[in-house]
């Protein structure tokens, strides 16, 4: 009996051992699956977090690229200042000094804006004053007077007239004429015979037919004058006898034109006399029959006469 009971127990143990091992295996498998599921869930969560971090990093890089270098540098400097300011000692005296600085800066900007908006733009000297005192850049220069620009002068210099009225000589030099004929210059008509008699005392030295030309230049410059005069008191280009065509209106309103002789002094040193009276320089004076002319201090007398009509 005892042997049979032992055999039965052995068989039960032999049958139960494999059954327990299978249940344990199943439990282990379930545990392993749960562990694997847990591990997979954790890995997926970690991947999702890594993806979100990558996306945020990409967005930050794009923003940094889109920003200008000035903005990025200013933001970096602001970050540095904020870091340094956080490490500094926040005392009330420093805060008060900062508030004063900000107030003064605001007041200075307000005064600059008011100066700009009140009056016209500052002068060039006032704008360049900013090199010495930048805070007073918009203030006028004071008593310093700005030199005025030289205005253009369009008056004739006489160089063109001198070039056109110059006579070249054989030795290469040129003589500039002091006189040129006006547009109303005319030759006297043939019916009017004007003559100039040269007297020295009671003697007639020379008789000049004036009707042959319209202009007679008197002087010592033999290369250019028409009527030479050798007295030392007479200038090189002393005076001119000019025939001019002048129109006059009579009492009935009719215009009558005549060619008459005129005398002009070319600003000579010793002047010209008409009927023993000195005439003003650079001015035409009408001559009449039997007028007497004297040049300088010469004793010769030039008498103008119109021959009588037959």
Protein backbone atom coordinates (compact mmCIF):
# COMPACT_ATOMS: atom_id res chain seq x y z
CA UNK A 1 0.00 0.00 0.00
CA UNK A 2 2.73 2.35 0.91
CA UNK A 3 4.50 1.64 -2.30
CA UNK A 4 1.39 2.38 -4.32
CA UNK A 5 0.88 5.73 -2.58
CA UNK A 6 4.45 6.67 -3.31
CA UNK A 7 4.00 5.86 -6.96
CA UNK A 8 0.85 7.96 -7.16
CA UNK A 9 2.61 10.96 -5.55
CA UNK A 10 5.49 10.65 -7.93
CA UNK A 11 3.15 10.60 -10.90
CA UNK A 12 1.30 13.68 -9.61
CA UNK A 13 4.58 15.49 -9.13
CA UNK A 14 5.72 14.46 -12.56
CA UNK A 15 2.38 15.69 -14.04
CA UNK A 16 2.24 18.96 -11.97
CA UNK A 17 5.82 20.02 -12.64
CA UNK A 18 5.32 20.50 -16.33
CA UNK A 19 1.96 22.19 -15.66
CA UNK A 20 3.60 24.70 -13.31
CA UNK A 21 6.36 25.35 -15.72
CA UNK A 22 3.88 26.17 -18.53
CA UNK A 23 1.93 28.57 -16.35
CA UNK A 24 5.12 30.23 -15.25
CA UNK A 25 6.20 30.51 -18.86
CA UNK A 26 2.89 32.06 -19.79
CA UNK A 27 3.23 34.53 -16.95
CA UNK A 28 6.77 35.33 -18.00
CA UNK A 29 5.65 35.84 -21.56
CA UNK A 30 2.91 38.20 -20.45
CA UNK A 31 5.37 40.08 -18.28
CA UNK A 32 7.84 40.28 -21.14
CA UNK A 33 5.11 41.53 -23.49
CA UNK A 34 4.02 44.12 -20.96
CA UNK A 35 7.62 45.17 -20.50
CA UNK A 36 8.11 45.35 -24.25
CA UNK A 37 4.91 47.36 -24.60
CA UNK A 38 6.06 49.69 -21.89
CA UNK A 39 9.48 50.02 -23.50
CA UNK A 40 7.93 50.74 -26.93
CA UNK A 41 5.65 53.37 -25.39
CA UNK A 42 8.57 55.04 -23.73
CA UNK A 43 10.59 54.99 -26.96
CA UNK A 44 7.74 56.52 -28.95
CA UNK A 45 7.31 59.22 -26.34
CA UNK A 46 11.03 59.93 -26.49
CA UNK A 47 10.89 60.12 -30.30
CA UNK A 48 7.97 62.53 -30.14
CA UNK A 49 9.88 64.72 -27.72
CA UNK A 50 12.98 64.65 -29.93
CA UNK A 51 10.90 65.58 -32.96
CA UNK A 52 9.30 68.52 -31.12
CA UNK A 53 12.75 69.72 -30.01
CA UNK A 54 14.05 69.47 -33.56
CA UNK A 55 11.11 71.45 -34.89
CA UNK A 56 11.62 74.22 -32.29
CA UNK A 57 15.33 74.32 -33.09
CA UNK A 58 14.55 74.61 -36.82
CA UNK A 59 12.12 77.47 -36.15
CA UNK A 60 14.72 79.30 -34.05
CA UNK A 61 17.33 78.91 -36.80
CA UNK A 62 14.92 80.29 -39.42
CA UNK A 63 14.12 83.27 -37.21
CA UNK A 64 17.79 83.96 -36.64
CA UNK A 65 18.48 83.79 -40.36
CA UNK A 66 15.59 86.14 -41.15
CA UNK A 67 16.83 88.72 -38.64
CA UNK A 68 19.29 91.45 -39.81
CA UNK A 69 22.85 91.43 -38.38
CA UNK A 70 22.17 94.74 -36.61
CA UNK A 71 19.10 93.32 -34.85
CA UNK A 72 20.93 90.15 -33.88
CA UNK A 73 23.91 92.11 -32.55
CA UNK A 74 21.60 94.49 -30.64
CA UNK A 75 19.68 91.56 -29.14
CA UNK A 76 22.91 89.84 -28.17
CA UNK A 77 24.16 93.02 -26.55
CA UNK A 78 20.81 93.38 -24.73
CA UNK A 79 21.05 89.79 -23.51
CA UNK A 80 24.58 90.40 -22.29
CA UNK A 81 23.56 93.61 -20.57
CA UNK A 82 20.62 91.87 -18.92
CA UNK A 83 22.94 89.09 -17.71
CA UNK A 84 25.49 91.58 -16.41
CA UNK A 85 22.81 93.74 -14.84
CA UNK A 86 21.36 90.69 -13.08
CA UNK A 87 24.78 89.97 -11.59
CA UNK A 88 25.36 93.62 -10.55
CA UNK A 89 24.36 95.09 -7.27
CA UNK A 90 20.88 96.72 -7.48
CA UNK A 91 21.42 99.61 -5.06
CA UNK A 92 18.92 102.54 -4.77
CA UNK A 93 21.64 105.13 -5.60
CA UNK A 94 22.34 103.43 -8.92
CA UNK A 95 18.65 103.25 -9.75
CA UNK A 96 18.28 106.97 -9.04
CA UNK A 97 21.25 107.84 -11.27
CA UNK A 98 19.75 105.72 -14.07
CA UNK A 99 16.42 107.49 -13.75
CA UNK A 100 18.17 110.89 -13.93
CA UNK A 101 20.07 109.84 -17.04
CA UNK A 102 16.90 108.69 -18.77
CA UNK A 103 15.10 111.94 -17.87
CA UNK A 104 17.97 114.11 -19.15
CA UNK A 105 18.10 112.09 -22.39
CA UNK A 106 14.36 112.53 -22.90
CA UNK A 107 14.56 116.27 -22.21
CA UNK A 108 17.49 116.66 -24.64
CA UNK A 109 15.63 114.80 -27.37
CA UNK A 110 12.52 116.93 -26.73
CA UNK A 111 14.56 120.17 -26.99
CA UNK A 112 16.16 118.97 -30.21
CA UNK A 113 12.77 118.15 -31.68
CA UNK A 114 11.41 121.56 -30.62
CA UNK A 115 14.42 123.29 -32.18
CA UNK A 116 13.90 121.43 -35.41
CA UNK A 117 10.20 122.12 -35.57
CA UNK A 118 10.21 125.80 -34.50
CA UNK A 119 12.33 127.62 -37.10
CA UNK A 120 13.93 126.98 -40.47
CA UNK A 121 16.83 124.66 -41.08
CA UNK A 122 20.15 125.68 -39.48
CA UNK A 123 22.96 127.19 -41.48
CA UNK A 124 25.94 125.25 -42.72
CA UNK A 125 28.23 126.70 -40.06
CA UNK A 126 25.76 125.70 -37.32
CA UNK A 127 25.51 122.15 -38.64
CA UNK A 128 29.29 121.79 -38.71
CA UNK A 129 29.47 123.03 -35.12
CA UNK A 130 28.45 119.54 -34.02
CA UNK A 131 32.10 118.48 -34.29
CA UNK A 132 32.99 120.72 -31.31
CA UNK A 133 29.80 120.40 -29.26
CA UNK A 134 27.35 117.70 -30.43
CA UNK A 135 24.66 118.78 -27.97
CA UNK A 136 24.58 122.28 -29.51
CA UNK A 137 24.64 121.16 -33.14
CA UNK A 138 21.41 122.96 -34.01
CA UNK A 139 22.34 126.26 -32.33
CA UNK A 140 23.42 129.06 -34.75
CA UNK A 141 27.11 129.84 -35.01
CA UNK A 142 26.71 133.10 -33.04
CA UNK A 143 28.44 136.33 -34.01
CA UNK A 144 30.61 134.66 -36.64
CA UNK A 145 29.62 136.10 -40.00
CA UNK A 146 29.64 133.80 -42.99
CA UNK A 147 31.50 135.43 -45.91
CA UNK A 148 29.23 136.17 -48.82
CA UNK A 149 29.82 134.51 -52.12
CA UNK A 150 31.29 136.67 -54.81
CA UNK A 151 28.61 137.41 -57.37
CA UNK A 152 29.35 136.99 -61.07
CA UNK A 153 30.31 140.13 -62.94
CA UNK A 154 29.00 140.28 -66.50
CA UNK A 155 30.36 143.76 -67.25
CA UNK A 156 32.54 144.05 -70.36
CA UNK A 157 36.25 143.80 -69.61
CA UNK A 158 37.35 145.46 -72.87
CA UNK A 159 39.66 142.60 -73.79
CA UNK A 160 37.63 141.65 -76.87
CA UNK A 161 37.45 145.24 -78.07
CA UNK A 162 41.18 145.65 -77.45
CA UNK A 163 41.92 142.50 -79.44
CA UNK A 164 39.73 143.63 -82.34
CA UNK A 165 41.10 147.23 -82.30
CA UNK A 166 44.78 146.38 -82.15
CA UNK A 167 47.26 147.03 -84.95
CA UNK A 168 50.30 144.78 -85.34
CA UNK A 169 53.63 146.38 -86.16
CA UNK A 170 56.63 145.06 -88.07
CA UNK A 171 58.65 144.36 -84.91
CA UNK A 172 55.90 142.05 -83.57
CA UNK A 173 54.35 144.46 -81.08
CA UNK A 174 50.74 145.61 -81.29
CA UNK A 175 49.15 148.99 -80.59
CA UNK A 176 45.66 149.06 -79.07
CA UNK A 177 43.37 151.74 -80.48
CA UNK A 178 41.57 153.83 -77.87
CA UNK A 179 38.75 154.75 -80.24
CA UNK A 180 36.48 153.01 -82.70
CA UNK A 181 33.82 154.60 -84.88
CA UNK A 182 30.16 154.56 -83.79
CA UNK A 183 27.40 153.05 -85.98
CA UNK A 184 26.15 156.50 -87.03
CA UNK A 185 29.54 157.40 -88.53
CA UNK A 186 29.17 158.79 -92.04
CA UNK A 187 31.34 160.41 -94.63
CA UNK A 188 30.28 164.03 -95.31
CA UNK A 189 28.43 164.60 -98.59
CA UNK A 190 30.26 166.06 -101.58
CA UNK A 191 28.27 169.27 -101.43
CA UNK A 192 29.68 170.01 -97.93
CA UNK A 193 33.38 170.76 -98.14
CA UNK A 194 34.85 170.86 -94.62
CA UNK A 195 38.43 172.11 -94.27
CA UNK A 196 40.78 172.43 -91.31
CA UNK A 197 43.34 175.23 -91.40
CA UNK A 198 46.41 174.93 -89.19
CA UNK A 199 47.69 178.29 -87.93
CA UNK A 200 50.82 179.18 -86.02
CA UNK A 201 50.49 182.83 -85.20
CA UNK A 202 49.41 184.59 -88.42
CA UNK A 203 50.88 181.95 -90.74
CA UNK A 204 48.90 179.06 -92.28
CA UNK A 205 51.02 175.92 -91.95
CA UNK A 206 48.65 173.39 -93.48
CA UNK A 207 45.19 172.90 -94.94
CA UNK A 208 43.48 169.51 -94.43
CA UNK A 209 40.51 168.34 -96.52
CA UNK A 210 38.23 166.69 -93.98
CA UNK A 211 35.60 165.49 -96.45
CA UNK A 212 37.82 162.65 -97.69
CA UNK A 213 37.06 160.43 -94.67
CA UNK A 214 34.65 160.07 -91.73
CA UNK A 215 37.15 159.93 -88.84
CA UNK A 216 40.38 161.79 -88.03
CA UNK A 217 42.56 160.61 -85.10
CA UNK A 218 44.95 163.23 -83.67
CA UNK A 219 48.09 162.28 -81.70
CA UNK A 220 51.78 161.49 -81.64
CA UNK A 221 51.52 157.74 -82.48
CA UNK A 222 52.49 157.92 -86.16
CA UNK A 223 51.58 154.25 -86.76
CA UNK A 224 47.88 154.76 -86.03
CA UNK A 225 47.00 158.50 -86.14
CA UNK A 226 45.47 160.29 -89.14
CA UNK A 227 46.60 163.79 -88.14
CA UNK A 228 50.06 163.72 -86.50
CA UNK A 229 51.00 166.29 -83.87
CA UNK A 230 54.59 166.50 -82.63
CA UNK A 231 54.19 168.62 -79.51
CA UNK A 232 55.27 166.72 -76.33
CA UNK A 233 52.16 167.84 -74.40
CA UNK A 234 49.94 165.98 -76.86
CA UNK A 235 49.13 162.33 -76.07
CA UNK A 236 49.81 159.44 -78.42
CA UNK A 237 46.05 159.16 -79.10
CA UNK A 238 44.79 162.56 -78.05
CA UNK A 239 41.43 163.41 -79.74
CA UNK A 240 39.16 162.54 -82.68
CA UNK A 241 37.26 164.55 -85.28
CA UNK A 242 34.21 162.40 -86.15
CA UNK A 243 31.49 162.96 -88.75
CA UNK A 244 28.12 161.59 -87.56
CA UNK A 245 24.71 161.35 -89.19
CA UNK A 246 22.18 162.80 -86.70
CA UNK A 247 18.43 163.01 -87.29
CA UNK A 248 16.45 165.91 -85.85
CA UNK A 249 12.73 166.73 -85.94
CA UNK A 250 11.57 170.21 -86.92
CA UNK A 251 8.54 172.11 -85.65
CA UNK A 252 6.29 170.30 -88.16
CA UNK A 253 7.38 166.84 -86.96
CA UNK A 254 9.51 166.05 -89.98
CA UNK A 255 12.77 164.20 -89.46
CA UNK A 256 15.77 165.84 -91.03
CA UNK A 257 19.12 164.05 -91.06
CA UNK A 258 22.46 165.78 -91.52
CA UNK A 259 26.10 164.75 -91.31
CA UNK A 260 27.86 167.07 -88.88
CA UNK A 261 31.44 167.15 -87.46
CA UNK A 262 31.99 166.32 -83.77
CA UNK A 263 35.00 166.54 -81.45
CA UNK A 264 35.81 164.06 -78.66
CA UNK A 265 38.76 164.01 -76.25
CA UNK A 266 40.22 160.51 -75.56
CA UNK A 267 40.97 161.24 -71.90
CA UNK A 268 44.26 162.88 -72.78
CA UNK A 269 46.74 164.05 -70.16
CA UNK A 270 46.61 167.77 -71.01
CA UNK A 271 43.10 167.98 -72.48
CA UNK A 272 41.57 169.63 -75.57
CA UNK A 273 40.26 173.19 -75.89
CA UNK A 274 37.42 174.42 -78.09
CA UNK A 275 37.36 178.20 -78.60
CA UNK A 276 39.88 178.46 -75.71
CA UNK A 277 37.62 176.46 -73.34
CA UNK A 278 38.57 172.98 -72.20
CA UNK A 279 36.06 170.29 -73.16
CA UNK A 280 35.09 167.30 -70.97
CA UNK A 281 36.74 163.95 -71.88
CA UNK A 282 34.95 161.08 -73.64
CA UNK A 283 32.04 163.24 -74.79
CA UNK A 284 30.97 164.32 -78.28
CA UNK A 285 30.69 168.08 -78.94
CA UNK A 286 29.24 169.35 -82.19
CA UNK A 287 31.54 171.66 -84.23
CA UNK A 288 30.40 174.64 -86.19
CA UNK A 289 31.86 176.79 -88.90
CA UNK A 290 34.92 178.87 -87.79
CA UNK A 291 35.46 176.97 -84.51
CA UNK A 292 39.04 176.96 -83.19
CA UNK A 293 40.60 173.80 -81.64
CA UNK A 294 43.80 173.48 -79.59
CA UNK A 295 45.42 170.22 -78.40
CA UNK A 296 47.39 170.15 -75.15
CA UNK A 297 49.74 173.09 -74.59
CA UNK A 298 50.53 173.52 -78.27
CA UNK A 299 50.32 177.05 -79.70
CA UNK A 300 48.97 175.80 -83.01
CA UNK A 301 45.37 176.66 -83.77
CA UNK A 302 43.12 174.39 -85.85
CA UNK A 303 40.31 176.38 -87.44
CA UNK A 304 37.35 174.50 -88.95
CA UNK A 305 35.69 176.12 -91.95
CA UNK A 306 32.88 175.11 -94.32
CA UNK A 307 33.44 176.28 -97.89
CA UNK A 308 30.59 178.48 -99.19
CA UNK A 309 28.18 176.96 -101.71
CA UNK A 310 28.26 178.41 -105.21
